[in-house]
All heavy atoms as atom14 arrays in JSON, in Angstrom:
{
  "sequence": "YCRPSSGNSLYTDKVATVFYTVVIPMLNPLIYSLRNRDVKEALRKLV",
  "atom14_mask": [
    [1, 1, 1, 1, 1, 1, 1, 1, 1, 1, 1, 1, 0, 0],
    [1, 1, 1, 1, 1, 1, 0, 0, 0, 0, 0, 0, 0, 0],
    [1, 1, 1, 1, 1, 1, 1, 1, 1, 1, 1, 0, 0, 0],
    [1, 1, 1, 1, 1, 1, 1, 0, 0, 0, 0, 0, 0, 0],
    [1, 1, 1, 1, 1, 1, 0, 0, 0, 0, 0, 0, 0, 0],
    [1, 1, 1, 1, 1, 1, 0, 0, 0, 0, 0, 0, 0, 0],
    [1, 1, 1, 1, 0, 0, 0, 0, 0, 0, 0, 0, 0, 0],
    [1, 1, 1, 1, 1, 1, 1, 1, 0, 0, 0, 0, 0, 0],
    [1, 1, 1, 1, 1, 1, 0, 0, 0, 0, 0, 0, 0, 0],
    [1, 1, 1, 1, 1, 1, 1, 1, 0, 0, 0, 0, 0, 0],
    [1, 1, 1, 1, 1, 1, 1, 1, 1, 1, 1, 1, 0, 0],
    [1, 1, 1, 1, 1, 1, 1, 0, 0, 0, 0, 0, 0, 0],
    [1, 1, 1, 1, 1, 1, 1, 1, 0, 0, 0, 0, 0, 0],
    [1, 1, 1, 1, 1, 1, 1, 1, 1, 0, 0, 0, 0, 0],
    [1, 1, 1, 1, 1, 1, 1, 0, 0, 0, 0, 0, 0, 0],
    [1, 1, 1, 1, 1, 0, 0, 0, 0, 0, 0, 0, 0, 0],
    [1, 1, 1, 1, 1, 1, 1, 0, 0, 0, 0, 0, 0, 0],
    [1, 1, 1, 1, 1, 1, 1, 0, 0, 0, 0, 0, 0, 0],
    [1, 1, 1, 1, 1, 1, 1, 1, 1, 1, 1, 0, 0, 0],
    [1, 1, 1, 1, 1, 1, 1, 1, 1, 1, 1, 1, 0, 0],
    [1, 1, 1, 1, 1, 1, 1, 0, 0, 0, 0, 0, 0, 0],
    [1, 1, 1, 1, 1, 1, 1, 0, 0, 0, 0, 0, 0, 0],
    [1, 1, 1, 1, 1, 1, 1, 0, 0, 0, 0, 0, 0, 0],
    [1, 1, 1, 1, 1, 1, 1, 1, 0, 0, 0, 0, 0, 0],
    [1, 1, 1, 1, 1, 1, 1, 0, 0, 0, 0, 0, 0, 0],
    [1, 1, 1, 1, 1, 1, 1, 1, 0, 0, 0, 0, 0, 0],
    [1, 1, 1, 1, 1, 1, 1, 1, 0, 0, 0, 0, 0, 0],
    [1, 1, 1, 1, 1, 1, 1, 1, 0, 0, 0, 0, 0, 0],
    [1, 1, 1, 1, 1, 1, 1, 0, 0, 0, 0, 0, 0, 0],
    [1, 1, 1, 1, 1, 1, 1, 1, 0, 0, 0, 0, 0, 0],
    [1, 1, 1, 1, 1, 1, 1, 1, 0, 0, 0, 0, 0, 0],
    [1, 1, 1, 1, 1, 1, 1, 1, 1, 1, 1, 1, 0, 0],
    [1, 1, 1, 1, 1, 1, 0, 0, 0, 0, 0, 0, 0, 0],
    [1, 1, 1, 1, 1, 1, 1, 1, 0, 0, 0, 0, 0, 0],
    [1, 1, 1, 1, 1, 1, 1, 1, 1, 1, 1, 0, 0, 0],
    [1, 1, 1, 1, 1, 1, 1, 1, 0, 0, 0, 0, 0, 0],
    [1, 1, 1, 1, 1, 1, 1, 1, 1, 1, 1, 0, 0, 0],
    [1, 1, 1, 1, 1, 1, 1, 1, 0, 0, 0, 0, 0, 0],
    [1, 1, 1, 1, 1, 1, 1, 0, 0, 0, 0, 0, 0, 0],
    [1, 1, 1, 1, 1, 1, 1, 1, 1, 0, 0, 0, 0, 0],
    [1, 1, 1, 1, 1, 1, 1, 1, 1, 0, 0, 0, 0, 0],
    [1, 1, 1, 1, 1, 0, 0, 0, 0, 0, 0, 0, 0, 0],
    [1, 1, 1, 1, 1, 1, 1, 1, 0, 0, 0, 0, 0, 0],
    [1, 1, 1, 1, 1, 1, 1, 1, 1, 1, 1, 0, 0, 0],
    [1, 1, 1, 1, 1, 1, 1, 1, 1, 0, 0, 0, 0, 0],
    [1, 1, 1, 1, 1, 1, 1, 1, 0, 0, 0, 0, 0, 0],
    [1, 1, 1, 1, 1, 1, 1, 0, 0, 0, 0, 0, 0, 0]
  ],
  "atom14_positions": [
    [[-83.51, 31.97, 33.17], [-84.24, 32.86, 34.14], [-85.55, 32.32, 34.66], [-86.05, 32.89, 35.6], [-84.44, 34.22, 33.44], [-83.12, 34.9, 33.03], [-82.85, 35.04, 31.73], [-82.24, 35.4, 34.0], [-81.63, 35.65, 31.33], [-81.1, 36.01, 33.62], [-80.79, 36.14, 32.24], [-79.61, 36.77, 31.88], [0.0, 0.0, 0.0], [0.0, 0.0, 0.0]],
    [[-86.1, 31.31, 34.07], [-87.42, 30.88, 34.46], [-87.43, 29.44, 35.02], [-88.29, 28.63, 34.74], [-88.39, 30.94, 33.27], [-88.6, 32.57, 32.61], [0.0, 0.0, 0.0], [0.0, 0.0, 0.0], [0.0, 0.0, 0.0], [0.0, 0.0, 0.0], [0.0, 0.0, 0.0], [0.0, 0.0, 0.0], [0.0, 0.0, 0.0], [0.0, 0.0, 0.0]],
    [[-86.44, 29.17, 35.85], [-86.37, 27.85, 36.49], [-85.76, 28.02, 37.87], [-85.13, 29.06, 38.14], [-85.45, 26.86, 35.66], [-84.09, 27.34, 35.53], [-83.2, 26.33, 34.8], [-81.83, 26.88, 34.7], [-80.77, 26.14, 34.76], [-80.83, 24.86, 34.87], [-79.54, 26.72, 34.65], [0.0, 0.0, 0.0], [0.0, 0.0, 0.0], [0.0, 0.0, 0.0]],
    [[-85.96, 27.08, 38.77], [-85.41, 27.16, 40.13], [-83.89, 27.27, 40.05], [-83.25, 26.65, 39.23], [-85.86, 25.82, 40.79], [-87.07, 25.43, 40.04], [-86.84, 25.88, 38.63], [0.0, 0.0, 0.0], [0.0, 0.0, 0.0], [0.0, 0.0, 0.0], [0.0, 0.0, 0.0], [0.0, 0.0, 0.0], [0.0, 0.0, 0.0], [0.0, 0.0, 0.0]],
    [[-83.34, 28.03, 40.99], [-81.88, 28.28, 40.95], [-81.05, 27.15, 41.57], [-79.89, 27.05, 41.34], [-81.56, 29.59, 41.69], [-81.99, 29.51, 43.0], [0.0, 0.0, 0.0], [0.0, 0.0, 0.0], [0.0, 0.0, 0.0], [0.0, 0.0, 0.0], [0.0, 0.0, 0.0], [0.0, 0.0, 0.0], [0.0, 0.0, 0.0], [0.0, 0.0, 0.0]],
    [[-81.71, 26.32, 42.34], [-80.93, 25.24, 43.03], [-80.5, 24.16, 42.1], [-81.24, 23.72, 41.24], [-81.79, 24.62, 44.15], [-82.98, 24.13, 43.62], [0.0, 0.0, 0.0], [0.0, 0.0, 0.0], [0.0, 0.0, 0.0], [0.0, 0.0, 0.0], [0.0, 0.0, 0.0], [0.0, 0.0, 0.0], [0.0, 0.0, 0.0], [0.0, 0.0, 0.0]],
    [[-79.22, 23.74, 42.26], [-78.74, 22.63, 41.48], [-78.4, 22.94, 40.05], [-78.1, 22.05, 39.24], [0.0, 0.0, 0.0], [0.0, 0.0, 0.0], [0.0, 0.0, 0.0], [0.0, 0.0, 0.0], [0.0, 0.0, 0.0], [0.0, 0.0, 0.0], [0.0, 0.0, 0.0], [0.0, 0.0, 0.0], [0.0, 0.0, 0.0], [0.0, 0.0, 0.0]],
    [[-78.29, 24.2, 39.68], [-77.92, 24.57, 38.35], [-76.44, 24.35, 38.12], [-75.64, 24.61, 38.95], [-78.27, 26.05, 38.11], [-79.77, 26.34, 38.11], [-80.55, 25.38, 38.09], [-80.1, 27.58, 38.06], [0.0, 0.0, 0.0], [0.0, 0.0, 0.0], [0.0, 0.0, 0.0], [0.0, 0.0, 0.0], [0.0, 0.0, 0.0], [0.0, 0.0, 0.0]],
    [[-76.11, 23.88, 36.92], [-74.71, 23.77, 36.53], [-74.25, 25.12, 35.98], [-74.79, 25.65, 35.06], [-74.58, 22.7, 35.44], [-73.32, 22.74, 34.87], [0.0, 0.0, 0.0], [0.0, 0.0, 0.0], [0.0, 0.0, 0.0], [0.0, 0.0, 0.0], [0.0, 0.0, 0.0], [0.0, 0.0, 0.0], [0.0, 0.0, 0.0], [0.0, 0.0, 0.0]],
    [[-73.23, 25.68, 36.65], [-72.75, 27.0, 36.24], [-72.15, 26.91, 34.81], [-72.31, 27.85, 34.06], [-71.65, 27.48, 37.19], [-72.16, 27.86, 38.61], [-70.95, 28.15, 39.54], [-73.12, 29.05, 38.52], [0.0, 0.0, 0.0], [0.0, 0.0, 0.0], [0.0, 0.0, 0.0], [0.0, 0.0, 0.0], [0.0, 0.0, 0.0], [0.0, 0.0, 0.0]],
    [[-71.47, 25.83, 34.48], [-70.89, 25.67, 33.12], [-72.0, 25.65, 32.08], [-71.93, 26.29, 31.03], [-70.03, 24.45, 33.05], [-69.39, 24.3, 31.65], [-68.31, 25.07, 31.26], [-69.93, 23.33, 30.78], [-67.75, 24.92, 30.0], [-69.34, 23.17, 29.53], [-68.29, 23.96, 29.16], [-67.76, 23.8, 27.91], [0.0, 0.0, 0.0], [0.0, 0.0, 0.0]],
    [[-73.07, 24.87, 32.4], [-74.18, 24.73, 31.46], [-74.86, 26.13, 31.28], [-75.21, 26.53, 30.13], [-75.23, 23.75, 31.97], [-74.59, 22.46, 32.16], [-76.36, 23.61, 30.98], [0.0, 0.0, 0.0], [0.0, 0.0, 0.0], [0.0, 0.0, 0.0], [0.0, 0.0, 0.0], [0.0, 0.0, 0.0], [0.0, 0.0, 0.0], [0.0, 0.0, 0.0]],
    [[-75.03, 26.86, 32.37], [-75.59, 28.18, 32.27], [-74.75, 29.13, 31.43], [-75.31, 29.89, 30.6], [-75.72, 28.8, 33.72], [-76.86, 28.21, 34.49], [-77.6, 27.38, 33.94], [-77.04, 28.61, 35.64], [0.0, 0.0, 0.0], [0.0, 0.0, 0.0], [0.0, 0.0, 0.0], [0.0, 0.0, 0.0], [0.0, 0.0, 0.0], [0.0, 0.0, 0.0]],
    [[-73.44, 29.04, 31.57], [-72.59, 29.95, 30.79], [-72.66, 29.6, 29.31], [-72.71, 30.51, 28.45], [-71.15, 29.85, 31.25], [-70.93, 30.61, 32.62], [-69.45, 30.79, 32.92], [-68.89, 29.5, 33.54], [-67.5, 29.73, 34.04], [0.0, 0.0, 0.0], [0.0, 0.0, 0.0], [0.0, 0.0, 0.0], [0.0, 0.0, 0.0], [0.0, 0.0, 0.0]],
    [[-72.72, 28.33, 28.97], [-72.79, 27.92, 27.59], [-74.13, 28.36, 26.98], [-74.18, 28.88, 25.81], [-72.65, 26.4, 27.46], [-72.95, 25.96, 26.01], [-71.17, 25.99, 27.83], [0.0, 0.0, 0.0], [0.0, 0.0, 0.0], [0.0, 0.0, 0.0], [0.0, 0.0, 0.0], [0.0, 0.0, 0.0], [0.0, 0.0, 0.0], [0.0, 0.0, 0.0]],
    [[-75.2, 28.22, 27.74], [-76.53, 28.64, 27.26], [-76.59, 30.09, 27.1], [-77.15, 30.64, 26.1], [-77.63, 28.17, 28.25], [0.0, 0.0, 0.0], [0.0, 0.0, 0.0], [0.0, 0.0, 0.0], [0.0, 0.0, 0.0], [0.0, 0.0, 0.0], [0.0, 0.0, 0.0], [0.0, 0.0, 0.0], [0.0, 0.0, 0.0], [0.0, 0.0, 0.0]],
    [[-75.92, 30.84, 28.01], [-75.96, 32.3, 27.92], [-75.2, 32.8, 26.66], [-75.55, 33.85, 26.09], [-75.31, 32.96, 29.15], [-75.99, 32.38, 30.32], [-75.49, 34.47, 29.21], [0.0, 0.0, 0.0], [0.0, 0.0, 0.0], [0.0, 0.0, 0.0], [0.0, 0.0, 0.0], [0.0, 0.0, 0.0], [0.0, 0.0, 0.0], [0.0, 0.0, 0.0]],
    [[-74.21, 32.08, 26.28], [-73.42, 32.47, 25.03], [-74.34, 32.56, 23.83], [-74.2, 33.44, 22.99], [-72.3, 31.48, 24.78], [-71.68, 31.67, 23.39], [-71.16, 31.68, 25.83], [0.0, 0.0, 0.0], [0.0, 0.0, 0.0], [0.0, 0.0, 0.0], [0.0, 0.0, 0.0], [0.0, 0.0, 0.0], [0.0, 0.0, 0.0], [0.0, 0.0, 0.0]],
    [[-75.37, 31.71, 23.78], [-76.21, 31.63, 22.65], [-76.99, 32.95, 22.45], [-77.01, 33.57, 21.36], [-77.21, 30.45, 22.77], [-76.69, 29.17, 22.23], [-76.09, 28.29, 23.11], [-76.72, 28.89, 20.88], [-75.6, 27.09, 22.64], [-76.2, 27.7, 20.43], [-75.66, 26.8, 21.26], [0.0, 0.0, 0.0], [0.0, 0.0, 0.0], [0.0, 0.0, 0.0]],
    [[-77.65, 33.47, 23.52], [-78.42, 34.66, 23.37], [-77.66, 35.98, 23.54], [-78.17, 37.05, 23.21], [-79.66, 34.63, 24.28], [-79.49, 34.95, 25.72], [-79.57, 36.26, 26.18], [-79.18, 33.94, 26.65], [-79.41, 36.54, 27.56], [-79.04, 34.24, 27.96], [-79.19, 35.49, 28.43], [-79.01, 35.79, 29.73], [0.0, 0.0, 0.0], [0.0, 0.0, 0.0]],
    [[-76.41, 35.93, 24.1], [-75.65, 37.17, 24.23], [-74.67, 37.34, 23.09], [-74.25, 38.49, 22.79], [-74.89, 37.18, 25.55], [-74.02, 36.01, 25.63], [-75.79, 37.15, 26.73], [0.0, 0.0, 0.0], [0.0, 0.0, 0.0], [0.0, 0.0, 0.0], [0.0, 0.0, 0.0], [0.0, 0.0, 0.0], [0.0, 0.0, 0.0], [0.0, 0.0, 0.0]],
    [[-74.21, 36.26, 22.46], [-73.14, 36.34, 21.48], [-73.58, 35.82, 20.11], [-73.4, 36.46, 19.08], [-71.88, 35.58, 21.94], [-70.73, 35.69, 20.94], [-71.37, 36.11, 23.28], [0.0, 0.0, 0.0], [0.0, 0.0, 0.0], [0.0, 0.0, 0.0], [0.0, 0.0, 0.0], [0.0, 0.0, 0.0], [0.0, 0.0, 0.0], [0.0, 0.0, 0.0]],
    [[-74.16, 34.63, 20.1], [-74.47, 33.99, 18.83], [-75.7, 34.57, 18.15], [-75.7, 34.87, 16.95], [-74.65, 32.43, 19.09], [-75.05, 31.76, 17.71], [-73.4, 31.82, 19.61], [0.0, 0.0, 0.0], [0.0, 0.0, 0.0], [0.0, 0.0, 0.0], [0.0, 0.0, 0.0], [0.0, 0.0, 0.0], [0.0, 0.0, 0.0], [0.0, 0.0, 0.0]],
    [[-76.8, 34.74, 18.9], [-78.03, 35.25, 18.33], [-77.85, 36.64, 17.71], [-78.35, 36.87, 16.6], [-79.18, 35.28, 19.37], [-79.57, 33.86, 19.74], [-80.38, 36.03, 18.87], [-80.13, 33.06, 18.61], [0.0, 0.0, 0.0], [0.0, 0.0, 0.0], [0.0, 0.0, 0.0], [0.0, 0.0, 0.0], [0.0, 0.0, 0.0], [0.0, 0.0, 0.0]],
    [[-77.17, 37.58, 18.35], [-76.97, 38.88, 17.69], [-76.22, 38.79, 16.38], [-76.34, 39.66, 15.53], [-76.11, 39.68, 18.73], [-76.48, 39.09, 20.06], [-76.71, 37.63, 19.73], [0.0, 0.0, 0.0], [0.0, 0.0, 0.0], [0.0, 0.0, 0.0], [0.0, 0.0, 0.0], [0.0, 0.0, 0.0], [0.0, 0.0, 0.0], [0.0, 0.0, 0.0]],
    [[-75.35, 37.75, 16.21], [-74.7, 37.55, 14.96], [-75.6, 36.97, 13.91], [-75.63, 37.38, 12.73], [-73.46, 36.67, 15.14], [-72.77, 36.3, 13.84], [-71.57, 34.91, 13.99], [-72.71, 33.56, 14.27], [0.0, 0.0, 0.0], [0.0, 0.0, 0.0], [0.0, 0.0, 0.0], [0.0, 0.0, 0.0], [0.0, 0.0, 0.0], [0.0, 0.0, 0.0]],
    [[-76.46, 35.99, 14.34], [-77.32, 35.3, 13.37], [-78.49, 36.12, 12.9], [-78.89, 35.94, 11.77], [-77.83, 34.02, 14.05], [-76.83, 32.92, 14.34], [-77.51, 31.74, 14.98], [-76.13, 32.52, 13.07], [0.0, 0.0, 0.0], [0.0, 0.0, 0.0], [0.0, 0.0, 0.0], [0.0, 0.0, 0.0], [0.0, 0.0, 0.0], [0.0, 0.0, 0.0]],
    [[-79.03, 37.04, 13.75], [-80.24, 37.76, 13.37], [-80.09, 38.49, 12.04], [-81.02, 38.36, 11.19], [-80.65, 38.69, 14.5], [-81.47, 38.01, 15.56], [-82.03, 36.89, 15.35], [-81.56, 38.6, 16.75], [0.0, 0.0, 0.0], [0.0, 0.0, 0.0], [0.0, 0.0, 0.0], [0.0, 0.0, 0.0], [0.0, 0.0, 0.0], [0.0, 0.0, 0.0]],
    [[-79.06, 39.3, 11.81], [-79.0, 40.0, 10.5], [-78.82, 39.03, 9.35], [-79.32, 39.33, 8.24], [-77.75, 40.91, 10.65], [-76.97, 40.33, 11.77], [-77.94, 39.71, 12.73], [0.0, 0.0, 0.0], [0.0, 0.0, 0.0], [0.0, 0.0, 0.0], [0.0, 0.0, 0.0], [0.0, 0.0, 0.0], [0.0, 0.0, 0.0], [0.0, 0.0, 0.0]],
    [[-78.24, 37.88, 9.6], [-78.08, 36.9, 8.52], [-79.4, 36.22, 8.22], [-79.79, 36.09, 7.05], [-77.02, 35.8, 8.93], [-75.67, 36.29, 9.3], [-74.77, 35.14, 9.7], [-75.01, 37.04, 8.14], [0.0, 0.0, 0.0], [0.0, 0.0, 0.0], [0.0, 0.0, 0.0], [0.0, 0.0, 0.0], [0.0, 0.0, 0.0], [0.0, 0.0, 0.0]],
    [[-80.15, 35.9, 9.22], [-81.43, 35.21, 9.05], [-82.52, 36.11, 8.51], [-83.2, 35.8, 7.54], [-81.91, 34.56, 10.38], [-80.99, 33.43, 10.79], [-83.35, 34.1, 10.28], [-81.25, 32.91, 12.18], [0.0, 0.0, 0.0], [0.0, 0.0, 0.0], [0.0, 0.0, 0.0], [0.0, 0.0, 0.0], [0.0, 0.0, 0.0], [0.0, 0.0, 0.0]],
    [[-82.58, 37.33, 9.12], [-83.69, 38.27, 8.72], [-83.33, 39.09, 7.48], [-84.25, 39.61, 6.83], [-83.99, 39.19, 9.86], [-84.73, 38.61, 10.98], [-84.09, 38.13, 12.08], [-86.1, 38.49, 10.96], [-84.77, 37.59, 13.14], [-86.81, 37.97, 11.99], [-86.17, 37.46, 13.12], [-86.87, 36.94, 14.13], [0.0, 0.0, 0.0], [0.0, 0.0, 0.0]],
    [[-82.1, 39.17, 7.12], [-81.65, 40.04, 6.06], [-81.18, 39.39, 4.8], [-81.72, 39.51, 3.72], [-80.63, 41.01, 6.57], [-81.01, 41.66, 7.75], [0.0, 0.0, 0.0], [0.0, 0.0, 0.0], [0.0, 0.0, 0.0], [0.0, 0.0, 0.0], [0.0, 0.0, 0.0], [0.0, 0.0, 0.0], [0.0, 0.0, 0.0], [0.0, 0.0, 0.0]],
    [[-80.07, 38.57, 4.94], [-79.44, 38.01, 3.76], [-80.31, 36.96, 3.04], [-80.06, 36.71, 1.83], [-78.07, 37.45, 4.12], [-77.06, 38.46, 4.64], [-75.74, 37.79, 4.9], [-76.86, 39.62, 3.7], [0.0, 0.0, 0.0], [0.0, 0.0, 0.0], [0.0, 0.0, 0.0], [0.0, 0.0, 0.0], [0.0, 0.0, 0.0], [0.0, 0.0, 0.0]],
    [[-81.26, 36.42, 3.77], [-82.2, 35.42, 3.13], [-83.4, 36.21, 2.49], [-84.22, 35.56, 1.87], [-82.73, 34.48, 4.14], [-81.69, 33.47, 4.59], [-82.29, 32.53, 5.68], [-83.47, 31.87, 5.23], [-83.49, 30.73, 4.56], [-82.4, 30.13, 4.27], [-84.63, 30.21, 4.16], [0.0, 0.0, 0.0], [0.0, 0.0, 0.0], [0.0, 0.0, 0.0]],
    [[-83.39, 37.53, 2.59], [-84.53, 38.25, 2.13], [-84.25, 38.87, 0.76], [-83.19, 39.5, 0.5], [-84.78, 39.46, 3.14], [-86.06, 40.17, 2.84], [-86.17, 40.86, 1.85], [-87.02, 40.02, 3.71], [0.0, 0.0, 0.0], [0.0, 0.0, 0.0], [0.0, 0.0, 0.0], [0.0, 0.0, 0.0], [0.0, 0.0, 0.0], [0.0, 0.0, 0.0]],
    [[-85.2, 38.7, -0.16], [-85.0, 39.14, -1.53], [-84.88, 40.66, -1.63], [-84.04, 41.16, -2.41], [-86.15, 38.65, -2.4], [-86.02, 38.99, -3.9], [-87.28, 38.58, -4.61], [-87.54, 37.17, -4.5], [-88.71, 36.6, -4.87], [-89.65, 37.37, -5.37], [-88.88, 35.32, -4.72], [0.0, 0.0, 0.0], [0.0, 0.0, 0.0], [0.0, 0.0, 0.0]],
    [[-85.7, 41.39, -0.87], [-85.67, 42.85, -0.9], [-84.31, 43.41, -0.42], [-83.78, 44.32, -1.01], [-86.77, 43.43, 0.0], [-88.15, 43.15, -0.59], [-88.22, 42.94, -1.82], [-89.11, 43.1, 0.17], [0.0, 0.0, 0.0], [0.0, 0.0, 0.0], [0.0, 0.0, 0.0], [0.0, 0.0, 0.0], [0.0, 0.0, 0.0], [0.0, 0.0, 0.0]],
    [[-83.78, 42.76, 0.61], [-82.51, 43.23, 1.1], [-81.35, 42.99, 0.15], [-80.52, 43.83, -0.09], [-82.18, 42.57, 2.49], [-80.74, 42.9, 2.96], [-83.15, 43.01, 3.59], [0.0, 0.0, 0.0], [0.0, 0.0, 0.0], [0.0, 0.0, 0.0], [0.0, 0.0, 0.0], [0.0, 0.0, 0.0], [0.0, 0.0, 0.0], [0.0, 0.0, 0.0]],
    [[-81.36, 41.78, -0.43], [-80.34, 41.47, -1.43], [-80.43, 42.39, -2.67], [-79.4, 42.8, -3.22], [-80.46, 39.98, -1.84], [-80.04, 39.05, -0.75], [-79.96, 37.62, -1.25], [-81.28, 37.0, -1.34], [-81.22, 35.52, -1.66], [0.0, 0.0, 0.0], [0.0, 0.0, 0.0], [0.0, 0.0, 0.0], [0.0, 0.0, 0.0], [0.0, 0.0, 0.0]],
    [[-81.66, 42.72, -3.06], [-81.85, 43.59, -4.22], [-81.39, 45.02, -3.89], [-80.71, 45.68, -4.7], [-83.29, 43.61, -4.64], [-83.6, 44.45, -5.85], [-82.88, 43.96, -7.09], [-82.62, 42.73, -7.21], [-82.61, 44.77, -8.01], [0.0, 0.0, 0.0], [0.0, 0.0, 0.0], [0.0, 0.0, 0.0], [0.0, 0.0, 0.0], [0.0, 0.0, 0.0]],
    [[-81.68, 45.54, -2.67], [-81.28, 46.84, -2.26], [-79.77, 46.89, -2.14], [-79.15, 47.9, -2.54], [-81.91, 47.19, -0.9], [0.0, 0.0, 0.0], [0.0, 0.0, 0.0], [0.0, 0.0, 0.0], [0.0, 0.0, 0.0], [0.0, 0.0, 0.0], [0.0, 0.0, 0.0], [0.0, 0.0, 0.0], [0.0, 0.0, 0.0], [0.0, 0.0, 0.0]],
    [[-79.17, 45.83, -1.63], [-77.68, 45.77, -1.51], [-77.01, 45.8, -2.92], [-76.02, 46.45, -3.14], [-77.26, 44.58, -0.72], [-75.79, 44.4, -0.34], [-75.34, 45.64, 0.48], [-75.56, 43.15, 0.38], [0.0, 0.0, 0.0], [0.0, 0.0, 0.0], [0.0, 0.0, 0.0], [0.0, 0.0, 0.0], [0.0, 0.0, 0.0], [0.0, 0.0, 0.0]],
    [[-77.62, 45.05, -3.8], [-77.12, 44.95, -5.2], [-77.21, 46.3, -5.88], [-76.23, 46.75, -6.53], [-77.9, 43.91, -5.98], [-77.25, 43.53, -7.3], [-78.06, 42.48, -8.02], [-78.16, 41.19, -7.23], [-79.29, 40.69, -6.75], [-80.41, 41.37, -6.9], [-79.29, 39.61, -6.03], [0.0, 0.0, 0.0], [0.0, 0.0, 0.0], [0.0, 0.0, 0.0]],
    [[-78.27, 46.99, -5.69], [-78.44, 48.31, -6.29], [-77.4, 49.33, -5.69], [-76.87, 50.09, -6.39], [-79.86, 48.88, -6.11], [-80.88, 48.15, -6.96], [-82.29, 48.77, -6.72], [-83.31, 48.15, -7.64], [-84.65, 48.75, -7.37], [0.0, 0.0, 0.0], [0.0, 0.0, 0.0], [0.0, 0.0, 0.0], [0.0, 0.0, 0.0], [0.0, 0.0, 0.0]],
    [[-77.23, 49.21, -4.41], [-76.32, 50.16, -3.73], [-74.91, 49.91, -4.21], [-74.18, 50.88, -4.51], [-76.43, 49.99, -2.2], [-75.55, 50.92, -1.37], [-75.91, 52.36, -1.52], [-75.58, 50.5, 0.14], [0.0, 0.0, 0.0], [0.0, 0.0, 0.0], [0.0, 0.0, 0.0], [0.0, 0.0, 0.0], [0.0, 0.0, 0.0], [0.0, 0.0, 0.0]],
    [[-74.48, 48.63, -4.24], [-73.14, 48.31, -4.69], [-72.96, 48.7, -6.13], [-71.9, 49.3, -6.56], [-72.84, 46.85, -4.49], [-71.53, 46.46, -5.16], [-72.83, 46.47, -3.01], [0.0, 0.0, 0.0], [0.0, 0.0, 0.0], [0.0, 0.0, 0.0], [0.0, 0.0, 0.0], [0.0, 0.0, 0.0], [0.0, 0.0, 0.0], [0.0, 0.0, 0.0]]
  ]
}
């Protein structure tokens, strides 16, 4: 979104868009949660 629109590769744009629309929403709970000691302890207690 922050670059000139001329000469852009549509395929490159689509691949880049996959990262923040599909991959990042999957990674965020893994990165922010499962690596966290408090979350793992709370999950262990709940289970």
